[in-house]
């Protein structure tokens, strides 16, 4: 039983899209983890097992930095 050219092309395209999706998830997950950890309260950051998303969003840890003062408050802590 032979597979036609169009079927092989569709299968190879599907495998390529699956590979691209997996690579994007692998690349995007650390960025998601960084952002979600930055808005978690302190006790939730060190919790074991870790949660994928924060229960409470705590934006107090995030500080706006100007170009001239470049995070002086963060660096002094």
Protein backbone atom coordinates (compact mmCIF):
# COMPACT_ATOMS: atom_id res chain seq x y z
CA UNK A 1 0.00 0.00 0.00
CA UNK A 2 1.51 3.27 -1.11
CA UNK A 3 0.79 6.65 0.36
CA UNK A 4 0.12 9.36 -2.16
CA UNK A 5 2.32 12.44 -2.42
CA UNK A 6 -0.37 14.77 -1.07
CA UNK A 7 -0.94 12.51 1.95
CA UNK A 8 2.80 12.40 2.68
CA UNK A 9 2.96 16.18 2.38
CA UNK A 10 0.02 16.61 4.79
CA UNK A 11 1.58 14.20 7.30
CA UNK A 12 4.96 15.94 7.11
CA UNK A 13 3.27 19.34 7.55
CA UNK A 14 1.37 18.07 10.57
CA UNK A 15 4.56 16.68 12.14
CA UNK A 16 6.34 19.96 11.48
CA UNK A 17 3.54 21.96 13.13
CA UNK A 18 3.56 19.61 16.13
CA UNK A 19 7.32 20.03 16.46
CA UNK A 20 7.03 23.83 16.25
CA UNK A 21 4.25 23.79 18.88
CA UNK A 22 6.34 21.69 21.27
CA UNK A 23 9.37 23.95 20.82
CA UNK A 24 7.26 27.06 21.42
CA UNK A 25 5.83 25.59 24.61
CA UNK A 26 9.32 24.70 25.83
CA UNK A 27 10.56 28.22 25.09
CA UNK A 28 7.49 30.02 26.49
CA UNK A 29 7.20 28.10 29.77
CA UNK A 30 10.22 29.73 31.51
CA UNK A 31 8.86 33.17 30.62
CA UNK A 32 5.45 32.23 32.02
CA UNK A 33 7.10 30.84 35.18
CA UNK A 34 9.12 34.03 35.64
CA UNK A 35 6.05 36.26 35.37
CA UNK A 36 3.81 34.06 37.53
CA UNK A 37 6.47 33.76 40.23
CA UNK A 38 6.99 37.52 40.28
CA UNK A 39 3.34 38.11 41.24
CA UNK A 40 3.05 35.32 43.84
CA UNK A 41 3.11 36.14 47.55
CA UNK A 42 6.31 35.10 49.35
CA UNK A 43 4.88 31.99 51.00
CA UNK A 44 3.51 30.68 47.74
CA UNK A 45 6.89 31.01 45.99
CA UNK A 46 8.58 28.55 48.34
CA UNK A 47 5.62 26.17 48.54
CA UNK A 48 6.23 22.52 47.70
CA UNK A 49 4.94 21.26 45.32
CA UNK A 50 4.91 24.50 43.34
CA UNK A 51 1.73 25.80 41.71
CA UNK A 52 1.64 26.66 38.03
CA UNK A 53 -0.41 29.80 38.67
CA UNK A 54 -0.71 32.00 41.75
CA UNK A 55 -3.79 31.76 43.94
CA UNK A 56 -3.51 35.44 44.82
CA UNK A 57 -2.04 38.05 42.53
CA UNK A 58 0.33 40.27 44.47
CA UNK A 59 1.53 43.20 42.38
CA UNK A 60 3.25 44.98 45.26
CA UNK A 61 6.57 43.31 44.48
CA UNK A 62 6.65 44.77 40.98
CA UNK A 63 8.17 48.22 40.78
CA UNK A 64 8.28 50.59 37.85
CA UNK A 65 11.82 51.58 36.97
CA UNK A 66 12.74 54.75 35.17
CA UNK A 67 15.65 54.90 32.75
CA UNK A 68 17.52 57.29 35.05
CA UNK A 69 16.84 55.63 38.40
CA UNK A 70 17.06 52.09 36.96
CA UNK A 71 15.54 50.13 39.82
CA UNK A 72 17.38 51.77 42.70
CA UNK A 73 14.73 50.44 45.11
CA UNK A 74 15.21 46.87 43.87
CA UNK A 75 18.98 47.00 43.94
CA UNK A 76 19.06 48.40 47.49
CA UNK A 77 17.02 45.52 48.91
